[in-house]
């Protein structure tokens, strides 16, 4: 299993990550999805604070995760990994904005 160093742009900031090579596409797609959702929240609700938009995205993604987990759909290990990545990105963003 080889690892890659990638930079993922979330809300205009670069986040360096060390990931397994086979996870690259999923991580990049997750970054794109997060950015799309941030933009959607900013447009739909006139959100001007990135932290608010990121928090709303986190809430929406965690809710979807819990619904999938409850229904037994999807691979729980993969969902946990993606949720952990999202939580790490949000934690870093919150720390940088203190």
PDB file of N, CA and C in Angstrom:
ATOM      1  N   UNK A   1       0.838  -1.169   0.000  1.00  0.00           N
ATOM      2  CA  UNK A   1       0.000   0.000   0.000  1.00  0.00           C
ATOM      3  C   UNK A   1       0.890   1.242   0.000  1.00  0.00           C
ATOM      4  N   UNK A   2       0.837   2.014  -1.072  1.00  0.00           N
ATOM      5  CA  UNK A   2       1.661   3.211  -1.140  1.00  0.00           C
ATOM      6  C   UNK A   2       0.861   4.421  -0.676  1.00  0.00           C
ATOM      7  N   UNK A   3       1.580   5.394  -0.121  1.00  0.00           N
ATOM      8  CA  UNK A   3       0.918   6.604   0.343  1.00  0.00           C
ATOM      9  C   UNK A   3       1.282   7.765  -0.576  1.00  0.00           C
ATOM     10  N   UNK A   4       0.370   8.712  -0.626  1.00  0.00           N
ATOM     11  CA  UNK A   4       0.546   9.913  -1.429  1.00  0.00           C
ATOM     12  C   UNK A   4       0.392  11.136  -0.543  1.00  0.00           C
ATOM     13  N   UNK A   5       1.092  12.190  -0.900  1.00  0.00           N
ATOM     14  CA  UNK A   5       0.878  13.489  -0.285  1.00  0.00           C
ATOM     15  C   UNK A   5       0.062  14.298  -1.279  1.00  0.00           C
ATOM     16  N   UNK A   6      -1.120  14.720  -0.853  1.00  0.00           N
ATOM     17  CA  UNK A   6      -1.982  15.514  -1.720  1.00  0.00           C
ATOM     18  C   UNK A   6      -2.393  16.776  -0.969  1.00  0.00           C
ATOM     19  N   UNK A   7      -2.781  17.774  -1.732  1.00  0.00           N
ATOM     20  CA  UNK A   7      -3.338  18.998  -1.154  1.00  0.00           C
ATOM     21  C   UNK A   7      -4.767  19.120  -1.651  1.00  0.00           C
ATOM     22  N   UNK A   8      -5.676  19.252  -0.707  1.00  0.00           N
ATOM     23  CA  UNK A   8      -7.092  19.371  -1.025  1.00  0.00           C
ATOM     24  C   UNK A   8      -7.542  20.776  -0.643  1.00  0.00           C
ATOM     25  N   UNK A   9      -8.207  21.439  -1.578  1.00  0.00           N
ATOM     26  CA  UNK A   9      -8.705  22.783  -1.342  1.00  0.00           C
ATOM     27  C   UNK A   9     -10.123  22.695  -0.789  1.00  0.00           C
ATOM     28  N   UNK A  10     -10.286  23.252   0.416  1.00  0.00           N
ATOM     29  CA  UNK A  10     -11.606  23.325   1.042  1.00  0.00           C
ATOM     30  C   UNK A  10     -11.830  24.778   1.430  1.00  0.00           C
ATOM     31  N   UNK A  11     -12.882  25.353   0.902  1.00  0.00           N
ATOM     32  CA  UNK A  11     -13.260  26.732   1.238  1.00  0.00           C
ATOM     33  C   UNK A  11     -12.103  27.705   1.031  1.00  0.00           C
ATOM     34  N   UNK A  12     -11.347  27.497  -0.039  1.00  0.00           N
ATOM     35  CA  UNK A  12     -10.266  28.423  -0.378  1.00  0.00           C
ATOM     36  C   UNK A  12      -8.960  28.192   0.363  1.00  0.00           C
ATOM     37  N   UNK A  13      -8.873  27.141   1.130  1.00  0.00           N
ATOM     38  CA  UNK A  13      -7.636  26.828   1.856  1.00  0.00           C
ATOM     39  C   UNK A  13      -7.117  25.467   1.426  1.00  0.00           C
ATOM     40  N   UNK A  14      -5.804  25.352   1.398  1.00  0.00           N
ATOM     41  CA  UNK A  14      -5.160  24.096   1.027  1.00  0.00           C
ATOM     42  C   UNK A  14      -4.906  23.263   2.284  1.00  0.00           C
ATOM     43  N   UNK A  15      -5.265  22.004   2.219  1.00  0.00           N
ATOM     44  CA  UNK A  15      -5.041  21.074   3.322  1.00  0.00           C
ATOM     45  C   UNK A  15      -4.180  19.921   2.838  1.00  0.00           C
ATOM     46  N   UNK A  16      -2.955  19.823   3.359  1.00  0.00           N
ATOM     47  CA  UNK A  16      -2.087  18.711   2.963  1.00  0.00           C
ATOM     48  C   UNK A  16      -2.508  17.435   3.697  1.00  0.00           C
ATOM     49  N   UNK A  17      -2.592  16.362   2.949  1.00  0.00           N
ATOM     50  CA  UNK A  17      -2.992  15.081   3.521  1.00  0.00           C
ATOM     51  C   UNK A  17      -2.047  13.986   3.057  1.00  0.00           C
ATOM     52  N   UNK A  18      -1.795  13.024   3.892  1.00  0.00           N
ATOM     53  CA  UNK A  18      -1.113  11.790   3.515  1.00  0.00           C
ATOM     54  C   UNK A  18      -2.193  10.714   3.448  1.00  0.00           C
ATOM     55  N   UNK A  19      -2.370  10.148   2.262  1.00  0.00           N
ATOM     56  CA  UNK A  19      -3.438   9.178   2.069  1.00  0.00           C
ATOM     57  C   UNK A  19      -2.895   7.952   1.344  1.00  0.00           C
ATOM     58  N   UNK A  20      -3.636   6.868   1.418  1.00  0.00           N
ATOM     59  CA  UNK A  20      -3.301   5.690   0.621  1.00  0.00           C
ATOM     60  C   UNK A  20      -3.615   6.006  -0.837  1.00  0.00           C
ATOM     61  N   UNK A  21      -2.779   5.521  -1.730  1.00  0.00           N
ATOM     62  CA  UNK A  21      -2.925   5.827  -3.153  1.00  0.00           C
ATOM     63  C   UNK A  21      -4.310   5.474  -3.674  1.00  0.00           C
ATOM     64  N   UNK A  22      -4.883   4.368  -3.211  1.00  0.00           N
ATOM     65  CA  UNK A  22      -6.193   3.952  -3.709  1.00  0.00           C
ATOM     66  C   UNK A  22      -7.330   4.840  -3.197  1.00  0.00           C
ATOM     67  N   UNK A  23      -7.053   5.714  -2.232  1.00  0.00           N
ATOM     68  CA  UNK A  23      -8.069   6.611  -1.704  1.00  0.00           C
ATOM     69  C   UNK A  23      -8.081   7.970  -2.409  1.00  0.00           C
ATOM     70  N   UNK A  24      -7.116   8.205  -3.284  1.00  0.00           N
ATOM     71  CA  UNK A  24      -6.961   9.544  -3.859  1.00  0.00           C
ATOM     72  C   UNK A  24      -8.240  10.055  -4.528  1.00  0.00           C
ATOM     73  N   UNK A  25      -8.819   9.259  -5.393  1.00  0.00           N
ATOM     74  CA  UNK A  25     -10.013   9.714  -6.116  1.00  0.00           C
ATOM     75  C   UNK A  25     -11.150  10.034  -5.147  1.00  0.00           C
ATOM     76  N   UNK A  26     -11.342   9.182  -4.160  1.00  0.00           N
ATOM     77  CA  UNK A  26     -12.417   9.394  -3.191  1.00  0.00           C
ATOM     78  C   UNK A  26     -12.185  10.664  -2.375  1.00  0.00           C
ATOM     79  N   UNK A  27     -10.941  10.903  -1.976  1.00  0.00           N
ATOM     80  CA  UNK A  27     -10.623  12.098  -1.183  1.00  0.00           C
ATOM     81  C   UNK A  27     -10.813  13.355  -2.028  1.00  0.00           C
ATOM     82  N   UNK A  28     -10.335  13.319  -3.256  1.00  0.00           N
ATOM     83  CA  UNK A  28     -10.509  14.485  -4.142  1.00  0.00           C
ATOM     84  C   UNK A  28     -11.996  14.742  -4.419  1.00  0.00           C
ATOM     85  N   UNK A  29     -12.751  13.684  -4.630  1.00  0.00           N
ATOM     86  CA  UNK A  29     -14.190  13.845  -4.854  1.00  0.00           C
ATOM     87  C   UNK A  29     -14.888  14.385  -3.613  1.00  0.00           C
ATOM     88  N   UNK A  30     -14.453  13.949  -2.443  1.00  0.00           N
ATOM     89  CA  UNK A  30     -15.028  14.459  -1.193  1.00  0.00           C
ATOM     90  C   UNK A  30     -14.755  15.956  -1.066  1.00  0.00           C
ATOM     91  N   UNK A  31     -13.544  16.379  -1.413  1.00  0.00           N
ATOM     92  CA  UNK A  31     -13.213  17.808  -1.381  1.00  0.00           C
ATOM     93  C   UNK A  31     -14.097  18.600  -2.318  1.00  0.00           C
ATOM     94  N   UNK A  32     -14.314  18.082  -3.516  1.00  0.00           N
ATOM     95  CA  UNK A  32     -15.185  18.759  -4.484  1.00  0.00           C
ATOM     96  C   UNK A  32     -16.624  18.836  -3.954  1.00  0.00           C
ATOM     97  N   UNK A  33     -17.088  17.738  -3.379  1.00  0.00           N
ATOM     98  CA  UNK A  33     -18.451  17.717  -2.843  1.00  0.00           C
ATOM     99  C   UNK A  33     -18.614  18.721  -1.706  1.00  0.00           C
ATOM    100  N   UNK A  34     -17.631  18.780  -0.829  1.00  0.00           N
ATOM    101  CA  UNK A  34     -17.681  19.733   0.284  1.00  0.00           C
ATOM    102  C   UNK A  34     -17.740  21.158  -0.250  1.00  0.00           C
ATOM    103  N   UNK A  35     -16.873  21.477  -1.222  1.00  0.00           N
ATOM    104  CA  UNK A  35     -16.867  22.820  -1.796  1.00  0.00           C
ATOM    105  C   UNK A  35     -18.185  23.144  -2.491  1.00  0.00           C
ATOM    106  N   UNK A  36     -18.750  22.169  -3.197  1.00  0.00           N
ATOM    107  CA  UNK A  36     -20.044  22.389  -3.845  1.00  0.00           C
ATOM    108  C   UNK A  36     -21.142  22.662  -2.819  1.00  0.00           C
ATOM    109  N   UNK A  37     -21.127  21.908  -1.737  1.00  0.00           N
ATOM    110  CA  UNK A  37     -22.130  22.123  -0.692  1.00  0.00           C
ATOM    111  C   UNK A  37     -21.941  23.462   0.003  1.00  0.00           C
ATOM    112  N   UNK A  38     -20.698  23.859   0.233  1.00  0.00           N
ATOM    113  CA  UNK A  38     -20.430  25.170   0.825  1.00  0.00           C
ATOM    114  C   UNK A  38     -21.008  26.260  -0.068  1.00  0.00           C
ATOM    115  N   UNK A  39     -20.731  26.161  -1.369  1.00  0.00           N
ATOM    116  CA  UNK A  39     -21.247  27.144  -2.316  1.00  0.00           C
ATOM    117  C   UNK A  39     -22.772  27.153  -2.328  1.00  0.00           C
ATOM    118  N   UNK A  40     -23.359  25.969  -2.270  1.00  0.00           N
ATOM    119  CA  UNK A  40     -24.818  25.865  -2.246  1.00  0.00           C
ATOM    120  C   UNK A  40     -25.410  26.553  -1.020  1.00  0.00           C
ATOM    121  N   UNK A  41     -24.814  26.330   0.141  1.00  0.00           N
ATOM    122  CA  UNK A  41     -25.298  26.984   1.355  1.00  0.00           C
ATOM    123  C   UNK A  41     -25.110  28.491   1.271  1.00  0.00           C
ATOM    124  N   UNK A  42     -23.967  28.935   0.748  1.00  0.00           N
ATOM    125  CA  UNK A  42     -23.724  30.370   0.618  1.00  0.00           C
ATOM    126  C   UNK A  42     -24.753  31.012  -0.317  1.00  0.00           C
ATOM    127  N   UNK A  43     -25.067  30.351  -1.412  1.00  0.00           N
ATOM    128  CA  UNK A  43     -26.026  30.885  -2.381  1.00  0.00           C
ATOM    129  C   UNK A  43     -27.461  30.829  -1.855  1.00  0.00           C
ATOM    130  N   UNK A  44     -27.832  29.704  -1.321  1.00  0.00           N
ATOM    131  CA  UNK A  44     -29.222  29.486  -0.912  1.00  0.00           C
ATOM    132  C   UNK A  44     -29.603  30.290   0.322  1.00  0.00           C
ATOM    133  N   UNK A  45     -28.694  30.396   1.276  1.00  0.00           N
ATOM    134  CA  UNK A  45     -29.031  31.026   2.549  1.00  0.00           C
ATOM    135  C   UNK A  45     -28.283  32.327   2.799  1.00  0.00           C
ATOM    136  N   UNK A  46     -27.613  32.849   1.804  1.00  0.00           N
ATOM    137  CA  UNK A  46     -26.844  34.096   1.929  1.00  0.00           C
ATOM    138  C   UNK A  46     -25.858  34.030   3.100  1.00  0.00           C
ATOM    139  N   UNK A  47     -25.227  32.888   3.262  1.00  0.00           N
ATOM    140  CA  UNK A  47     -24.224  32.709   4.309  1.00  0.00           C
ATOM    141  C   UNK A  47     -22.943  33.391   3.850  1.00  0.00           C
ATOM    142  N   UNK A  48     -22.405  34.280   4.670  1.00  0.00           N
ATOM    143  CA  UNK A  48     -21.184  34.989   4.297  1.00  0.00           C
ATOM    144  C   UNK A  48     -19.969  34.512   5.087  1.00  0.00           C
ATOM    145  N   UNK A  49     -20.194  33.835   6.189  1.00  0.00           N
ATOM    146  CA  UNK A  49     -19.099  33.337   7.021  1.00  0.00           C
ATOM    147  C   UNK A  49     -18.781  31.899   6.623  1.00  0.00           C
ATOM    148  N   UNK A  50     -17.545  31.680   6.157  1.00  0.00           N
ATOM    149  CA  UNK A  50     -17.139  30.335   5.721  1.00  0.00           C
ATOM    150  C   UNK A  50     -17.307  29.318   6.836  1.00  0.00           C
ATOM    151  N   UNK A  51     -17.014  29.711   8.058  1.00  0.00           N
ATOM    152  CA  UNK A  51     -17.127  28.774   9.177  1.00  0.00           C
ATOM    153  C   UNK A  51     -18.576  28.310   9.336  1.00  0.00           C
ATOM    154  N   UNK A  52     -19.528  29.220   9.165  1.00  0.00           N
ATOM    155  CA  UNK A  52     -20.939  28.837   9.240  1.00  0.00           C
ATOM    156  C   UNK A  52     -21.281  27.860   8.124  1.00  0.00           C
ATOM    157  N   UNK A  53     -20.816  28.140   6.910  1.00  0.00           N
ATOM    158  CA  UNK A  53     -21.095  27.258   5.775  1.00  0.00           C
ATOM    159  C   UNK A  53     -20.478  25.880   5.999  1.00  0.00           C
ATOM    160  N   UNK A  54     -19.250  25.852   6.488  1.00  0.00           N
ATOM    161  CA  UNK A  54     -18.563  24.579   6.748  1.00  0.00           C
ATOM    162  C   UNK A  54     -19.315  23.794   7.831  1.00  0.00           C
ATOM    163  N   UNK A  55     -19.771  24.487   8.855  1.00  0.00           N
ATOM    164  CA  UNK A  55     -20.522  23.819   9.920  1.00  0.00           C
ATOM    165  C   UNK A  55     -21.827  23.237   9.392  1.00  0.00           C
ATOM    166  N   UNK A  56     -22.488  23.960   8.509  1.00  0.00           N
ATOM    167  CA  UNK A  56     -23.730  23.470   7.926  1.00  0.00           C
ATOM    168  C   UNK A  56     -23.468  22.245   7.053  1.00  0.00           C
ATOM    169  N   UNK A  57     -22.380  22.272   6.314  1.00  0.00           N
ATOM    170  CA  UNK A  57     -22.006  21.113   5.495  1.00  0.00           C
ATOM    171  C   UNK A  57     -21.703  19.920   6.390  1.00  0.00           C
ATOM    172  N   UNK A  58     -20.964  20.156   7.459  1.00  0.00           N
ATOM    173  CA  UNK A  58     -20.631  19.069   8.385  1.00  0.00           C
ATOM    174  C   UNK A  58     -21.900  18.450   8.966  1.00  0.00           C
ATOM    175  N   UNK A  59     -22.842  19.286   9.345  1.00  0.00           N
ATOM    176  CA  UNK A  59     -24.101  18.792   9.900  1.00  0.00           C
ATOM    177  C   UNK A  59     -24.860  17.967   8.869  1.00  0.00           C
ATOM    178  N   UNK A  60     -24.919  18.464   7.639  1.00  0.00           N
ATOM    179  CA  UNK A  60     -25.636  17.732   6.592  1.00  0.00           C
ATOM    180  C   UNK A  60     -24.965  16.387   6.314  1.00  0.00           C
ATOM    181  N   UNK A  61     -23.636  16.373   6.202  1.00  0.00           N
ATOM    182  CA  UNK A  61     -22.928  15.128   5.899  1.00  0.00           C
ATOM    183  C   UNK A  61     -23.032  14.137   7.055  1.00  0.00           C
ATOM    184  N   UNK A  62     -22.944  14.633   8.278  1.00  0.00           N
ATOM    185  CA  UNK A  62     -23.059  13.740   9.432  1.00  0.00           C
ATOM    186  C   UNK A  62     -24.469  13.157   9.519  1.00  0.00           C
ATOM    187  N   UNK A  63     -25.465  13.967   9.188  1.00  0.00           N
ATOM    188  CA  UNK A  63     -26.845  13.470   9.184  1.00  0.00           C
ATOM    189  C   UNK A  63     -27.026  12.370   8.154  1.00  0.00           C
ATOM    190  N   UNK A  64     -26.503  12.593   6.957  1.00  0.00           N
ATOM    191  CA  UNK A  64     -26.592  11.570   5.911  1.00  0.00           C
ATOM    192  C   UNK A  64     -25.854  10.306   6.336  1.00  0.00           C
ATOM    193  N   UNK A  65     -24.691  10.485   6.946  1.00  0.00           N
ATOM    194  CA  UNK A  65     -23.920   9.341   7.430  1.00  0.00           C
ATOM    195  C   UNK A  65     -24.733   8.538   8.444  1.00  0.00           C
ATOM    196  N   UNK A  66     -25.365   9.232   9.386  1.00  0.00           N
ATOM    197  CA  UNK A  66     -26.150   8.535  10.408  1.00  0.00           C
ATOM    198  C   UNK A  66     -27.349   7.818   9.807  1.00  0.00           C
ATOM    199  N   UNK A  67     -27.983   8.421   8.804  1.00  0.00           N
ATOM    200  CA  UNK A  67     -29.100   7.751   8.140  1.00  0.00           C
ATOM    201  C   UNK A  67     -28.640   6.496   7.412  1.00  0.00           C
ATOM    202  N   UNK A  68     -27.496   6.587   6.723  1.00  0.00           N
ATOM    203  CA  UNK A  68     -26.951   5.410   6.043  1.00  0.00           C
ATOM    204  C   UNK A  68     -26.575   4.315   7.041  1.00  0.00           C
ATOM    205  N   UNK A  69     -25.962   4.733   8.124  1.00  0.00           N
ATOM    206  CA  UNK A  69     -25.551   3.785   9.156  1.00  0.00           C
ATOM    207  C   UNK A  69     -26.778   3.088   9.755  1.00  0.00           C
ATOM    208  N   UNK A  70     -27.809   3.861  10.010  1.00  0.00           N
ATOM    209  CA  UNK A  70     -29.034   3.318  10.592  1.00  0.00           C
ATOM    210  C   UNK A  70     -29.718   2.339   9.644  1.00  0.00           C
ATOM    211  N   UNK A  71     -29.688   2.653   8.349  1.00  0.00           N
ATOM    212  CA  UNK A  71     -30.349   1.793   7.371  1.00  0.00           C
ATOM    213  C   UNK A  71     -29.499   0.579   7.005  1.00  0.00           C
ATOM    214  N   UNK A  72     -28.228   0.597   7.411  1.00  0.00           N
ATOM    215  CA  UNK A  72     -27.340  -0.523   7.111  1.00  0.00           C
ATOM    216  C   UNK A  72     -26.756  -0.461   5.717  1.00  0.00           C
ATOM    217  N   UNK A  73     -26.965   0.641   4.999  1.00  0.00           N
ATOM    218  CA  UNK A  73     -26.437   0.781   3.645  1.00  0.00           C
ATOM    219  C   UNK A  73     -24.989   1.234   3.689  1.00  0.00           C
ATOM    220  N   UNK A  74     -24.245   0.867   2.667  1.00  0.00           N
ATOM    221  CA  UNK A  74     -22.872   1.339   2.538  1.00  0.00           C
ATOM    222  C   UNK A  74     -21.905   0.564   3.398  1.00  0.00           C
ATOM    223  N   UNK A  75     -20.663   0.806   3.179  1.00  0.00           N
ATOM    224  CA  UNK A  75     -19.593   0.173   3.921  1.00  0.00           C
ATOM    225  C   UNK A  75     -19.257   1.051   5.121  1.00  0.00           C
ATOM    226  N   UNK A  76     -19.517   0.554   6.306  1.00  0.00           N
ATOM    227  CA  UNK A  76     -19.348   1.355   7.521  1.00  0.00           C
ATOM    228  C   UNK A  76     -17.904   1.813   7.727  1.00  0.00           C
ATOM    229  N   UNK A  77     -16.957   0.966   7.418  1.00  0.00           N
ATOM    230  CA  UNK A  77     -15.545   1.338   7.594  1.00  0.00           C
ATOM    231  C   UNK A  77     -15.196   2.519   6.688  1.00  0.00           C
ATOM    232  N   UNK A  78     -15.601   2.463   5.439  1.00  0.00           N
ATOM    233  CA  UNK A  78     -15.321   3.559   4.517  1.00  0.00           C
ATOM    234  C   UNK A  78     -16.033   4.828   4.943  1.00  0.00           C
ATOM    235  N   UNK A  79     -17.261   4.712   5.392  1.00  0.00           N
ATOM    236  CA  UNK A  79     -17.994   5.894   5.837  1.00  0.00           C
ATOM    237  C   UNK A  79     -17.325   6.510   7.065  1.00  0.00           C
ATOM    238  N   UNK A  80     -16.855   5.672   7.990  1.00  0.00           N
ATOM    239  CA  UNK A  80     -16.155   6.188   9.164  1.00  0.00           C
ATOM    240  C   UNK A  80     -14.886   6.924   8.776  1.00  0.00           C
ATOM    241  N   UNK A  81     -14.147   6.373   7.811  1.00  0.00           N
ATOM    242  CA  UNK A  81     -12.920   7.027   7.358  1.00  0.00           C
ATOM    243  C   UNK A  81     -13.223   8.392   6.746  1.00  0.00           C
ATOM    244  N   UNK A  82     -14.235   8.471   5.914  1.00  0.00           N
ATOM    245  CA  UNK A  82     -14.601   9.738   5.276  1.00  0.00           C
ATOM    246  C   UNK A  82     -15.079  10.751   6.309  1.00  0.00           C
ATOM    247  N   UNK A  83     -15.868  10.301   7.257  1.00  0.00           N
ATOM    248  CA  UNK A  83     -16.341  11.199   8.296  1.00  0.00           C
ATOM    249  C   UNK A  83     -15.169  11.695   9.145  1.00  0.00           C
ATOM    250  N   UNK A  84     -14.228  10.825   9.474  1.00  0.00           N
ATOM    251  CA  UNK A  84     -13.044  11.227  10.228  1.00  0.00           C
ATOM    252  C   UNK A  84     -12.242  12.279   9.462  1.00  0.00           C
ATOM    253  N   UNK A  85     -12.114  12.102   8.149  1.00  0.00           N
ATOM    254  CA  UNK A  85     -11.400  13.079   7.334  1.00  0.00           C
ATOM    255  C   UNK A  85     -12.114  14.424   7.368  1.00  0.00           C
ATOM    256  N   UNK A  86     -13.421  14.410   7.254  1.00  0.00           N
ATOM    257  CA  UNK A  86     -14.198  15.638   7.288  1.00  0.00           C
ATOM    258  C   UNK A  86     -14.050  16.329   8.641  1.00  0.00           C
ATOM    259  N   UNK A  87     -14.123  15.564   9.710  1.00  0.00           N
ATOM    260  CA  UNK A  87     -13.967  16.128  11.053  1.00  0.00           C
ATOM    261  C   UNK A  87     -12.590  16.751  11.215  1.00  0.00           C
ATOM    262  N   UNK A  88     -11.545  16.082  10.718  1.00  0.00           N
ATOM    263  CA  UNK A  88     -10.192  16.634  10.794  1.00  0.00           C
ATOM    264  C   UNK A  88     -10.094  17.953  10.044  1.00  0.00           C
ATOM    265  N   UNK A  89     -10.676  18.027   8.852  1.00  0.00           N
ATOM    266  CA  UNK A  89     -10.640  19.266   8.070  1.00  0.00           C
ATOM    267  C   UNK A  89     -11.377  20.391   8.790  1.00  0.00           C
ATOM    268  N   UNK A  90     -12.516  20.078   9.364  1.00  0.00           N
ATOM    269  CA  UNK A  90     -13.284  21.090  10.087  1.00  0.00           C
ATOM    270  C   UNK A  90     -12.529  21.542  11.330  1.00  0.00           C
ATOM    271  N   UNK A  91     -11.943  20.606  12.058  1.00  0.00           N
ATOM    272  CA  UNK A  91     -11.157  20.966  13.244  1.00  0.00           C
ATOM    273  C   UNK A  91     -10.018  21.900  12.887  1.00  0.00           C
ATOM    274  N   UNK A  92      -9.298  21.595  11.805  1.00  0.00           N
ATOM    275  CA  UNK A  92      -8.188  22.466  11.387  1.00  0.00           C
ATOM    276  C   UNK A  92      -8.690  23.854  11.009  1.00  0.00           C
ATOM    277  N   UNK A  93      -9.806  23.903  10.303  1.00  0.00           N
ATOM    278  CA  UNK A  93     -10.375  25.198   9.891  1.00  0.00           C
ATOM    279  C   UNK A  93     -10.770  26.014  11.121  1.00  0.00           C
ATOM    280  N   UNK A  94     -11.402  25.385  12.085  1.00  0.00           N
ATOM    281  CA  UNK A  94     -11.812  26.077  13.296  1.00  0.00           C
ATOM    282  C   UNK A  94     -10.618  26.569  14.104  1.00  0.00           C
ATOM    283  N   UNK A  95      -9.565  25.759  14.174  1.00  0.00           N
ATOM    284  CA  UNK A  95      -8.347  26.157  14.892  1.00  0.00           C
ATOM    285  C   UNK A  95      -7.683  27.364  14.229  1.00  0.00           C
ATOM    286  N   UNK A  96      -7.666  27.381  12.912  1.00  0.00           N
ATOM    287  CA  UNK A  96      -7.028  28.481  12.183  1.00  0.00           C
ATOM    288  C   UNK A  96      -7.822  29.767  12.301  1.00  0.00           C
ATOM    289  N   UNK A  97      -9.114  29.690  12.561  1.00  0.00           N
ATOM    290  CA  UNK A  97      -9.957  30.882  12.658  1.00  0.00           C
ATOM    291  C   UNK A  97     -10.116  31.399  14.085  1.00  0.00           C
ATOM    292  N   UNK A  98      -9.413  30.809  15.037  1.00  0.00           N
ATOM    293  CA  UNK A  98      -9.499  31.289  16.426  1.00  0.00           C
ATOM    294  C   UNK A  98      -8.790  32.595  16.584  1.00  0.00           C
TER     295      UNK A  98
END
